[in-house]
Amino acid sequence: MTANSTHEDLVNKYISDYFKDKPNTTGLNKKQGALLIDAIRSINQNQKIDPTMRRRIKTRLFTINDKDELLCDNKPVIYIENYYEKINEVHSDMGHPGVTKTFDQINLQYACLPRKIVEYHIKTCSICNLRQRQVNFNQTFIFINLKCYKLIDRSTKTKTYCVQRSMGSGSNRSR
């Protein structure tokens, strides 16, 4: 089993647990999507449908395109079964940015993806965790007193002395 498949299994387990605890959230599985598509077709043909389904379609602005794909706010809906693939694709293509940039990019392209899922995906991303550990490992803060600290960067062997701004002075000096 590769590291990527382990990450996929971990995220998919989180997704299933997330929707088990919150059945009325924004996520849709393929079965629910097919029901919505059938209901939209029925509405377009002036047939009667379940009032709950009609309300769900109108409040979330669900439509279908020429290819019979479900849209929400004119963006394709990501089904729960495809969350990992879409998040991983966008997150990797962008160079492993943080939660906000990844979520915003996904939100531009797709609909019905909870932010919590993106947060968990990035929190458990091995590349992002490795990068975070490298930054933390290479820098050491040594506090000399409450106003001054020394930053030692182990990778370049540089030392920086900084004086923190005191509450009322308004001055900020570096030595």
N, C-alpha and C. Protein backbone atom coordinates (compact mmCIF):
# COMPACT_ATOMS: atom_id res chain seq x y z
N MET A 1 0.84 -1.18 0.00
CA MET A 1 0.00 0.00 0.00
C MET A 1 0.89 1.24 0.00
N THR A 2 0.66 2.16 -0.94
CA THR A 2 1.49 3.36 -1.04
C THR A 2 1.00 4.42 -0.07
N ALA A 3 1.85 5.43 0.12
CA ALA A 3 1.49 6.53 1.02
C ALA A 3 0.27 7.26 0.51
N ASN A 4 0.15 7.42 -0.82
CA ASN A 4 -0.97 8.14 -1.38
C ASN A 4 -2.28 7.39 -1.16
N SER A 5 -2.26 6.06 -1.34
CA SER A 5 -3.50 5.30 -1.13
C SER A 5 -3.88 5.31 0.35
N THR A 6 -2.90 5.36 1.24
CA THR A 6 -3.21 5.47 2.66
C THR A 6 -3.88 6.80 2.95
N HIS A 7 -3.35 7.86 2.35
CA HIS A 7 -3.96 9.18 2.52
C HIS A 7 -5.38 9.19 1.96
N GLU A 8 -5.57 8.56 0.81
CA GLU A 8 -6.90 8.48 0.21
C GLU A 8 -7.86 7.74 1.13
N ASP A 9 -7.41 6.61 1.69
CA ASP A 9 -8.26 5.85 2.61
C ASP A 9 -8.61 6.66 3.84
N LEU A 10 -7.64 7.38 4.37
CA LEU A 10 -7.84 8.21 5.56
C LEU A 10 -8.86 9.31 5.29
N VAL A 11 -8.72 10.00 4.16
CA VAL A 11 -9.64 11.09 3.82
C VAL A 11 -11.03 10.53 3.53
N ASN A 12 -11.11 9.42 2.81
CA ASN A 12 -12.42 8.83 2.50
C ASN A 12 -13.14 8.35 3.76
N LYS A 13 -12.39 7.84 4.74
CA LYS A 13 -13.01 7.45 6.01
C LYS A 13 -13.54 8.69 6.73
N TYR A 14 -12.77 9.78 6.71
CA TYR A 14 -13.23 11.03 7.32
C TYR A 14 -14.50 11.53 6.64
N ILE A 15 -14.54 11.43 5.32
CA ILE A 15 -15.72 11.88 4.57
C ILE A 15 -16.94 11.06 4.96
N SER A 16 -16.79 9.73 5.03
CA SER A 16 -17.95 8.90 5.39
C SER A 16 -18.40 9.18 6.82
N ASP A 17 -17.46 9.38 7.74
CA ASP A 17 -17.82 9.72 9.11
C ASP A 17 -18.47 11.10 9.19
N TYR A 18 -17.97 12.03 8.39
CA TYR A 18 -18.50 13.40 8.37
C TYR A 18 -19.98 13.41 7.98
N PHE A 19 -20.33 12.66 6.93
CA PHE A 19 -21.72 12.65 6.48
C PHE A 19 -22.60 11.71 7.28
N LYS A 20 -22.00 10.78 8.02
CA LYS A 20 -22.78 9.93 8.92
C LYS A 20 -23.31 10.77 10.08
N ASP A 21 -22.47 11.68 10.56
CA ASP A 21 -22.86 12.54 11.68
C ASP A 21 -23.74 13.70 11.24
N LYS A 22 -23.64 14.13 9.98
CA LYS A 22 -24.36 15.30 9.49
C LYS A 22 -25.13 14.95 8.21
N PRO A 23 -26.26 14.29 8.33
CA PRO A 23 -26.95 13.84 7.12
C PRO A 23 -27.57 14.96 6.30
N ASN A 24 -27.80 16.13 6.86
CA ASN A 24 -28.46 17.21 6.13
C ASN A 24 -27.49 18.29 5.64
N THR A 25 -26.26 17.92 5.34
CA THR A 25 -25.28 18.89 4.87
C THR A 25 -25.32 19.01 3.35
N THR A 26 -24.41 19.81 2.82
CA THR A 26 -24.42 20.13 1.39
C THR A 26 -24.00 18.99 0.49
N GLY A 27 -23.36 17.98 0.99
CA GLY A 27 -22.83 16.92 0.14
C GLY A 27 -23.92 16.07 -0.49
N LEU A 28 -23.65 15.63 -1.72
CA LEU A 28 -24.57 14.75 -2.43
C LEU A 28 -23.81 13.53 -2.93
N ASN A 29 -24.41 12.35 -2.76
CA ASN A 29 -23.81 11.18 -3.38
C ASN A 29 -24.44 10.99 -4.76
N LYS A 30 -23.93 10.04 -5.52
CA LYS A 30 -24.41 9.86 -6.89
C LYS A 30 -25.89 9.47 -6.95
N LYS A 31 -26.35 8.71 -5.97
CA LYS A 31 -27.75 8.30 -5.94
C LYS A 31 -28.66 9.51 -5.73
N GLN A 32 -28.28 10.38 -4.78
CA GLN A 32 -29.06 11.61 -4.55
C GLN A 32 -29.02 12.51 -5.77
N GLY A 33 -27.86 12.57 -6.43
CA GLY A 33 -27.74 13.38 -7.64
C GLY A 33 -28.66 12.88 -8.74
N ALA A 34 -28.74 11.56 -8.90
CA ALA A 34 -29.62 10.98 -9.92
C ALA A 34 -31.08 11.30 -9.62
N LEU A 35 -31.46 11.26 -8.33
CA LEU A 35 -32.83 11.62 -7.95
C LEU A 35 -33.13 13.08 -8.26
N LEU A 36 -32.17 13.95 -8.00
CA LEU A 36 -32.36 15.37 -8.30
C LEU A 36 -32.48 15.61 -9.81
N ILE A 37 -31.66 14.92 -10.58
CA ILE A 37 -31.74 15.06 -12.04
C ILE A 37 -33.10 14.61 -12.55
N ASP A 38 -33.60 13.48 -12.04
CA ASP A 38 -34.93 13.00 -12.43
C ASP A 38 -36.01 13.99 -12.03
N ALA A 39 -35.88 14.58 -10.84
CA ALA A 39 -36.87 15.55 -10.38
C ALA A 39 -36.85 16.81 -11.24
N ILE A 40 -35.67 17.27 -11.63
CA ILE A 40 -35.56 18.47 -12.49
C ILE A 40 -36.18 18.19 -13.86
N ARG A 41 -35.94 16.99 -14.39
CA ARG A 41 -36.57 16.62 -15.66
C ARG A 41 -38.09 16.62 -15.53
N SER A 42 -38.59 16.11 -14.41
CA SER A 42 -40.04 16.09 -14.18
C SER A 42 -40.61 17.50 -14.10
N ILE A 43 -39.89 18.40 -13.43
CA ILE A 43 -40.33 19.80 -13.35
C ILE A 43 -40.36 20.42 -14.74
N ASN A 44 -39.33 20.15 -15.53
CA ASN A 44 -39.27 20.70 -16.89
C ASN A 44 -40.40 20.17 -17.78
N GLN A 45 -40.92 18.99 -17.45
CA GLN A 45 -42.02 18.40 -18.23
C GLN A 45 -43.36 18.65 -17.56
N ASN A 46 -43.38 19.57 -16.58
CA ASN A 46 -44.60 19.96 -15.86
C ASN A 46 -45.28 18.79 -15.16
N GLN A 47 -44.51 17.86 -14.64
CA GLN A 47 -45.05 16.75 -13.88
C GLN A 47 -44.95 17.09 -12.39
N LYS A 48 -45.81 16.48 -11.60
CA LYS A 48 -45.78 16.72 -10.15
C LYS A 48 -44.65 15.91 -9.51
N ILE A 49 -43.98 16.55 -8.54
CA ILE A 49 -42.94 15.86 -7.79
C ILE A 49 -43.15 16.13 -6.31
N ASP A 50 -42.40 15.45 -5.50
CA ASP A 50 -42.44 15.60 -4.05
C ASP A 50 -42.13 17.06 -3.67
N PRO A 51 -42.94 17.69 -2.82
CA PRO A 51 -42.71 19.09 -2.44
C PRO A 51 -41.34 19.33 -1.79
N THR A 52 -40.86 18.35 -1.02
CA THR A 52 -39.54 18.50 -0.39
C THR A 52 -38.44 18.57 -1.45
N MET A 53 -38.55 17.72 -2.45
CA MET A 53 -37.58 17.72 -3.53
C MET A 53 -37.65 19.03 -4.32
N ARG A 54 -38.86 19.51 -4.58
CA ARG A 54 -39.04 20.78 -5.31
C ARG A 54 -38.39 21.93 -4.53
N ARG A 55 -38.60 21.96 -3.22
CA ARG A 55 -38.02 23.02 -2.39
C ARG A 55 -36.49 22.94 -2.39
N ARG A 56 -35.96 21.73 -2.32
CA ARG A 56 -34.51 21.57 -2.34
C ARG A 56 -33.91 22.06 -3.66
N ILE A 57 -34.59 21.78 -4.76
CA ILE A 57 -34.10 22.21 -6.07
C ILE A 57 -34.13 23.74 -6.18
N LYS A 58 -35.22 24.35 -5.70
CA LYS A 58 -35.34 25.80 -5.83
C LYS A 58 -34.42 26.56 -4.88
N THR A 59 -34.29 26.09 -3.64
CA THR A 59 -33.46 26.82 -2.68
C THR A 59 -31.98 26.71 -3.00
N ARG A 60 -31.54 25.60 -3.56
CA ARG A 60 -30.12 25.43 -3.88
C ARG A 60 -29.81 25.78 -5.34
N LEU A 61 -30.82 26.17 -6.10
CA LEU A 61 -30.66 26.54 -7.52
C LEU A 61 -30.03 25.42 -8.35
N PHE A 62 -30.56 24.21 -8.18
CA PHE A 62 -30.09 23.08 -8.97
C PHE A 62 -30.67 23.15 -10.37
N THR A 63 -29.85 22.86 -11.36
CA THR A 63 -30.28 22.75 -12.75
C THR A 63 -29.51 21.60 -13.38
N ILE A 64 -29.82 21.29 -14.62
CA ILE A 64 -29.03 20.30 -15.38
C ILE A 64 -28.60 20.95 -16.69
N ASN A 65 -27.44 20.54 -17.18
CA ASN A 65 -26.95 21.08 -18.45
C ASN A 65 -27.32 20.15 -19.59
N ASP A 66 -26.80 20.45 -20.79
CA ASP A 66 -27.11 19.64 -21.98
C ASP A 66 -26.63 18.20 -21.87
N LYS A 67 -25.60 17.98 -21.08
CA LYS A 67 -25.04 16.63 -20.91
C LYS A 67 -25.70 15.88 -19.76
N ASP A 68 -26.78 16.41 -19.22
CA ASP A 68 -27.49 15.84 -18.06
C ASP A 68 -26.62 15.75 -16.82
N GLU A 69 -25.74 16.73 -16.65
CA GLU A 69 -24.94 16.83 -15.42
C GLU A 69 -25.64 17.79 -14.48
N LEU A 70 -25.59 17.47 -13.20
CA LEU A 70 -26.22 18.30 -12.20
C LEU A 70 -25.36 19.53 -11.92
N LEU A 71 -26.01 20.70 -11.92
CA LEU A 71 -25.32 21.96 -11.64
C LEU A 71 -25.96 22.61 -10.42
N CYS A 72 -25.16 23.32 -9.67
CA CYS A 72 -25.67 24.12 -8.55
C CYS A 72 -25.01 25.50 -8.69
N ASP A 73 -25.82 26.52 -8.80
CA ASP A 73 -25.31 27.88 -9.08
C ASP A 73 -24.45 27.88 -10.34
N ASN A 74 -24.88 27.16 -11.35
CA ASN A 74 -24.20 27.04 -12.65
C ASN A 74 -22.80 26.44 -12.58
N LYS A 75 -22.49 25.71 -11.53
CA LYS A 75 -21.21 25.00 -11.40
C LYS A 75 -21.50 23.52 -11.25
N PRO A 76 -20.66 22.65 -11.83
CA PRO A 76 -20.89 21.20 -11.68
C PRO A 76 -20.82 20.78 -10.21
N VAL A 77 -21.67 19.87 -9.85
CA VAL A 77 -21.71 19.34 -8.48
C VAL A 77 -20.66 18.23 -8.36
N ILE A 78 -19.89 18.29 -7.28
CA ILE A 78 -18.97 17.19 -6.98
C ILE A 78 -19.72 16.22 -6.07
N TYR A 79 -19.75 14.97 -6.46
CA TYR A 79 -20.39 13.97 -5.62
C TYR A 79 -19.42 13.51 -4.54
N ILE A 80 -19.96 13.06 -3.42
CA ILE A 80 -19.17 12.63 -2.27
C ILE A 80 -18.12 11.60 -2.70
N GLU A 81 -18.49 10.71 -3.60
CA GLU A 81 -17.57 9.66 -4.04
C GLU A 81 -16.34 10.23 -4.77
N ASN A 82 -16.43 11.46 -5.27
CA ASN A 82 -15.34 12.06 -6.04
C ASN A 82 -14.60 13.15 -5.28
N TYR A 83 -14.92 13.36 -4.02
CA TYR A 83 -14.28 14.44 -3.27
C TYR A 83 -12.77 14.31 -3.25
N TYR A 84 -12.26 13.15 -2.89
CA TYR A 84 -10.81 13.00 -2.76
C TYR A 84 -10.10 13.32 -4.07
N GLU A 85 -10.58 12.77 -5.18
CA GLU A 85 -9.92 12.97 -6.47
C GLU A 85 -9.89 14.45 -6.85
N LYS A 86 -11.02 15.14 -6.70
CA LYS A 86 -11.08 16.56 -7.09
C LYS A 86 -10.21 17.43 -6.19
N ILE A 87 -10.28 17.21 -4.88
CA ILE A 87 -9.46 18.01 -3.96
C ILE A 87 -7.98 17.76 -4.23
N ASN A 88 -7.61 16.50 -4.37
CA ASN A 88 -6.21 16.15 -4.60
C ASN A 88 -5.71 16.73 -5.92
N GLU A 89 -6.53 16.67 -6.94
CA GLU A 89 -6.16 17.21 -8.25
C GLU A 89 -5.88 18.72 -8.18
N VAL A 90 -6.80 19.47 -7.59
CA VAL A 90 -6.63 20.92 -7.49
C VAL A 90 -5.47 21.27 -6.56
N HIS A 91 -5.41 20.62 -5.41
CA HIS A 91 -4.37 20.90 -4.41
C HIS A 91 -2.97 20.61 -4.98
N SER A 92 -2.81 19.51 -5.68
CA SER A 92 -1.52 19.15 -6.26
C SER A 92 -1.15 20.06 -7.43
N ASP A 93 -2.12 20.34 -8.30
CA ASP A 93 -1.86 21.20 -9.47
C ASP A 93 -1.44 22.60 -9.06
N MET A 94 -1.93 23.07 -7.93
CA MET A 94 -1.60 24.43 -7.46
C MET A 94 -0.29 24.46 -6.68
N GLY A 95 0.34 23.33 -6.43
CA GLY A 95 1.60 23.31 -5.71
C GLY A 95 1.44 23.22 -4.20
N HIS A 96 0.38 22.58 -3.75
CA HIS A 96 0.11 22.34 -2.33
C HIS A 96 -0.03 23.63 -1.51
N PRO A 97 -0.96 24.52 -1.93
CA PRO A 97 -1.19 25.72 -1.11
C PRO A 97 -2.01 25.38 0.12
N GLY A 98 -2.34 26.39 0.90
CA GLY A 98 -3.10 26.19 2.13
C GLY A 98 -4.57 25.95 1.86
N VAL A 99 -5.32 25.89 2.94
CA VAL A 99 -6.75 25.58 2.87
C VAL A 99 -7.52 26.64 2.09
N THR A 100 -7.28 27.91 2.39
CA THR A 100 -8.07 28.97 1.77
C THR A 100 -7.90 28.99 0.26
N LYS A 101 -6.67 28.96 -0.22
CA LYS A 101 -6.43 28.99 -1.67
C LYS A 101 -7.01 27.76 -2.36
N THR A 102 -6.82 26.60 -1.75
CA THR A 102 -7.35 25.37 -2.35
C THR A 102 -8.88 25.40 -2.39
N PHE A 103 -9.49 25.77 -1.27
CA PHE A 103 -10.96 25.79 -1.20
C PHE A 103 -11.53 26.82 -2.18
N ASP A 104 -10.92 28.01 -2.25
CA ASP A 104 -11.41 29.04 -3.17
C ASP A 104 -11.33 28.58 -4.62
N GLN A 105 -10.23 27.91 -4.99
CA GLN A 105 -10.09 27.42 -6.35
C GLN A 105 -11.12 26.34 -6.66
N ILE A 106 -11.35 25.44 -5.71
CA ILE A 106 -12.37 24.40 -5.92
C ILE A 106 -13.75 25.04 -6.03
N ASN A 107 -14.01 26.04 -5.20
CA ASN A 107 -15.30 26.72 -5.22
C ASN A 107 -15.55 27.46 -6.52
N LEU A 108 -14.50 27.91 -7.19
CA LEU A 108 -14.67 28.55 -8.50
C LEU A 108 -15.12 27.55 -9.55
N GLN A 109 -14.68 26.30 -9.41
CA GLN A 109 -14.94 25.29 -10.43
C GLN A 109 -16.13 24.39 -10.12
N TYR A 110 -16.37 24.09 -8.84
CA TYR A 110 -17.36 23.08 -8.47
C TYR A 110 -18.26 23.59 -7.35
N ALA A 111 -19.34 22.83 -7.10
CA ALA A 111 -20.28 23.17 -6.03
C ALA A 111 -20.46 21.97 -5.10
N CYS A 112 -20.99 22.24 -3.93
CA CYS A 112 -21.39 21.23 -2.94
C CYS A 112 -20.21 20.50 -2.30
N LEU A 113 -19.17 21.22 -1.95
CA LEU A 113 -18.04 20.62 -1.24
C LEU A 113 -17.83 21.38 0.06
N PRO A 114 -18.01 20.73 1.21
CA PRO A 114 -17.81 21.40 2.49
C PRO A 114 -16.33 21.75 2.74
N ARG A 115 -16.09 22.89 3.32
CA ARG A 115 -14.73 23.36 3.62
C ARG A 115 -14.00 22.40 4.57
N LYS A 116 -14.73 21.80 5.51
CA LYS A 116 -14.12 20.90 6.49
C LYS A 116 -13.40 19.73 5.82
N ILE A 117 -13.94 19.27 4.70
CA ILE A 117 -13.31 18.16 3.98
C ILE A 117 -11.96 18.61 3.40
N VAL A 118 -11.94 19.82 2.83
CA VAL A 118 -10.69 20.36 2.28
C VAL A 118 -9.68 20.56 3.40
N GLU A 119 -10.13 21.09 4.54
CA GLU A 119 -9.24 21.29 5.69
C GLU A 119 -8.60 19.98 6.13
N TYR A 120 -9.40 18.93 6.23
CA TYR A 120 -8.87 17.64 6.66
C TYR A 120 -7.90 17.07 5.62
N HIS A 121 -8.24 17.20 4.34
CA HIS A 121 -7.37 16.70 3.28
C HIS A 121 -5.98 17.35 3.38
N ILE A 122 -5.95 18.65 3.55
CA ILE A 122 -4.67 19.36 3.60
C ILE A 122 -3.95 19.08 4.91
N LYS A 123 -4.69 18.97 6.00
CA LYS A 123 -4.09 18.67 7.30
C LYS A 123 -3.37 17.32 7.28
N THR A 124 -3.88 16.38 6.49
CA THR A 124 -3.29 15.04 6.42
C THR A 124 -2.42 14.82 5.19
N CYS A 125 -2.20 15.87 4.39
CA CYS A 125 -1.38 15.76 3.18
C CYS A 125 0.08 15.57 3.58
N SER A 126 0.70 14.49 3.10
CA SER A 126 2.07 14.18 3.51
C SER A 126 3.07 15.22 3.00
N ILE A 127 2.87 15.73 1.82
CA ILE A 127 3.80 16.74 1.27
C ILE A 127 3.71 18.03 2.07
N CYS A 128 2.49 18.45 2.39
CA CYS A 128 2.32 19.68 3.19
C CYS A 128 2.90 19.50 4.59
N ASN A 129 2.70 18.33 5.18
CA ASN A 129 3.25 18.07 6.51
C ASN A 129 4.76 18.03 6.49
N LEU A 130 5.34 17.46 5.46
CA LEU A 130 6.80 17.42 5.33
C LEU A 130 7.36 18.83 5.19
N ARG A 131 6.71 19.64 4.36
CA ARG A 131 7.14 21.03 4.17
C ARG A 131 7.03 21.80 5.48
N GLN A 132 5.97 21.60 6.23
CA GLN A 132 5.78 22.29 7.51
C GLN A 132 6.84 21.87 8.51
N ARG A 133 7.16 20.59 8.56
CA ARG A 133 8.20 20.11 9.48
C ARG A 133 9.56 20.67 9.12
N GLN A 134 9.87 20.80 7.83
CA GLN A 134 11.15 21.35 7.41
C GLN A 134 11.30 22.78 7.90
N VAL A 135 10.27 23.59 7.75
CA VAL A 135 10.33 24.98 8.19
C VAL A 135 10.55 25.03 9.69
N ASN A 136 9.80 24.24 10.43
CA ASN A 136 9.94 24.25 11.88
C ASN A 136 11.28 23.68 12.34
N PHE A 137 11.81 22.70 11.62
CA PHE A 137 13.06 22.06 12.02
C PHE A 137 14.26 22.97 11.78
N ASN A 138 14.22 23.75 10.70
CA ASN A 138 15.38 24.56 10.32
C ASN A 138 15.51 25.86 11.12
N GLN A 139 14.49 26.27 11.83
CA GLN A 139 14.57 27.53 12.55
C GLN A 139 14.40 27.30 14.04
N THR A 140 15.23 27.94 14.81
CA THR A 140 15.16 27.83 16.26
C THR A 140 15.11 29.23 16.85
N PHE A 141 14.15 29.48 17.70
CA PHE A 141 14.06 30.75 18.40
C PHE A 141 14.69 30.60 19.77
N ILE A 142 15.59 31.50 20.12
CA ILE A 142 16.18 31.51 21.46
C ILE A 142 15.83 32.87 22.07
N PHE A 143 15.04 32.86 23.12
CA PHE A 143 14.65 34.11 23.75
C PHE A 143 15.73 34.54 24.74
N ILE A 144 16.26 35.74 24.51
CA ILE A 144 17.30 36.28 25.39
C ILE A 144 16.64 36.96 26.59
N ASN A 145 15.65 37.75 26.34
CA ASN A 145 14.80 38.30 27.39
C ASN A 145 13.43 38.58 26.77
N LEU A 146 12.57 39.29 27.47
CA LEU A 146 11.21 39.47 26.96
C LEU A 146 11.14 40.34 25.71
N LYS A 147 12.14 41.21 25.47
CA LYS A 147 12.07 42.11 24.34
C LYS A 147 12.97 41.70 23.18
N CYS A 148 13.86 40.79 23.37
CA CYS A 148 14.83 40.45 22.32
C CYS A 148 14.90 38.94 22.15
N TYR A 149 14.99 38.49 20.89
CA TYR A 149 15.15 37.06 20.63
C TYR A 149 16.13 36.87 19.49
N LYS A 150 16.68 35.69 19.43
CA LYS A 150 17.65 35.34 18.39
C LYS A 150 17.04 34.22 17.56
N LEU A 151 17.08 34.38 16.25
CA LEU A 151 16.57 33.37 15.33
C LEU A 151 17.77 32.73 14.64
N ILE A 152 17.90 31.42 14.77
CA ILE A 152 19.00 30.71 14.14
C ILE A 152 18.41 29.82 13.05
N ASP A 153 18.84 30.07 11.82
CA ASP A 153 18.41 29.24 10.70
C ASP A 153 19.49 28.19 10.46
N ARG A 154 19.19 26.94 10.77
CA ARG A 154 20.19 25.87 10.69
C ARG A 154 20.64 25.57 9.27
N SER A 155 19.75 25.80 8.28
CA SER A 155 20.13 25.47 6.91
C SER A 155 21.16 26.44 6.36
N THR A 156 21.10 27.72 6.74
CA THR A 156 22.06 28.70 6.22
C THR A 156 23.05 29.17 7.27
N LYS A 157 22.89 28.70 8.50
CA LYS A 157 23.76 29.06 9.63
C LYS A 157 23.77 30.57 9.91
N THR A 158 22.65 31.23 9.62
CA THR A 158 22.57 32.67 9.89
C THR A 158 21.89 32.92 11.21
N LYS A 159 22.30 34.01 11.86
CA LYS A 159 21.70 34.40 13.13
C LYS A 159 21.12 35.80 12.96
N THR A 160 19.92 35.98 13.44
CA THR A 160 19.26 37.27 13.37
C THR A 160 18.83 37.67 14.77
N TYR A 161 19.18 38.89 15.15
CA TYR A 161 18.77 39.40 16.45
C TYR A 161 17.67 40.43 16.23
N CYS A 162 16.59 40.28 16.93
CA CYS A 162 15.46 41.19 16.75
C CYS A 162 15.01 41.71 18.09
N VAL A 163 14.59 42.95 18.10
CA VAL A 163 14.00 43.54 19.30
C VAL A 163 12.52 43.68 19.03
N GLN A 164 11.71 43.11 19.90
CA GLN A 164 10.28 43.21 19.73
C GLN A 164 9.80 44.59 20.13
N ARG A 165 8.74 45.04 19.46
CA ARG A 165 8.17 46.34 19.76
C ARG A 165 7.55 46.30 21.15
N SER A 166 7.94 47.27 21.99
CA SER A 166 7.33 47.33 23.31
C SER A 166 5.98 48.00 23.20
N MET A 167 5.14 47.86 24.19
CA MET A 167 3.75 48.29 24.11
C MET A 167 3.58 49.78 23.79
N GLY A 168 4.31 50.68 24.42
CA GLY A 168 4.05 52.09 24.25
C GLY A 168 5.11 52.85 23.49
N SER A 169 6.23 52.27 23.14
CA SER A 169 7.35 53.05 22.60
C SER A 169 7.16 53.41 21.12
N GLY A 170 6.60 52.51 20.31
CA GLY A 170 6.43 52.78 18.89
C GLY A 170 7.69 52.57 18.08
N SER A 171 8.78 52.17 18.71
CA SER A 171 10.02 51.95 17.95
C SER A 171 10.24 50.46 17.75
N ASN A 172 10.88 50.13 16.65
CA ASN A 172 11.17 48.73 16.34
C ASN A 172 12.57 48.69 15.77
N ARG A 173 13.52 48.18 16.54
CA ARG A 173 14.92 48.16 16.12
C ARG A 173 15.40 46.74 15.91
N SER A 174 16.32 46.59 14.98
CA SER A 174 17.00 45.31 14.79
C SER A 174 18.48 45.52 15.00
N ARG A 175 19.14 44.58 15.62
CA ARG A 175 20.60 44.68 15.82
C ARG A 175 21.29 43.66 14.98
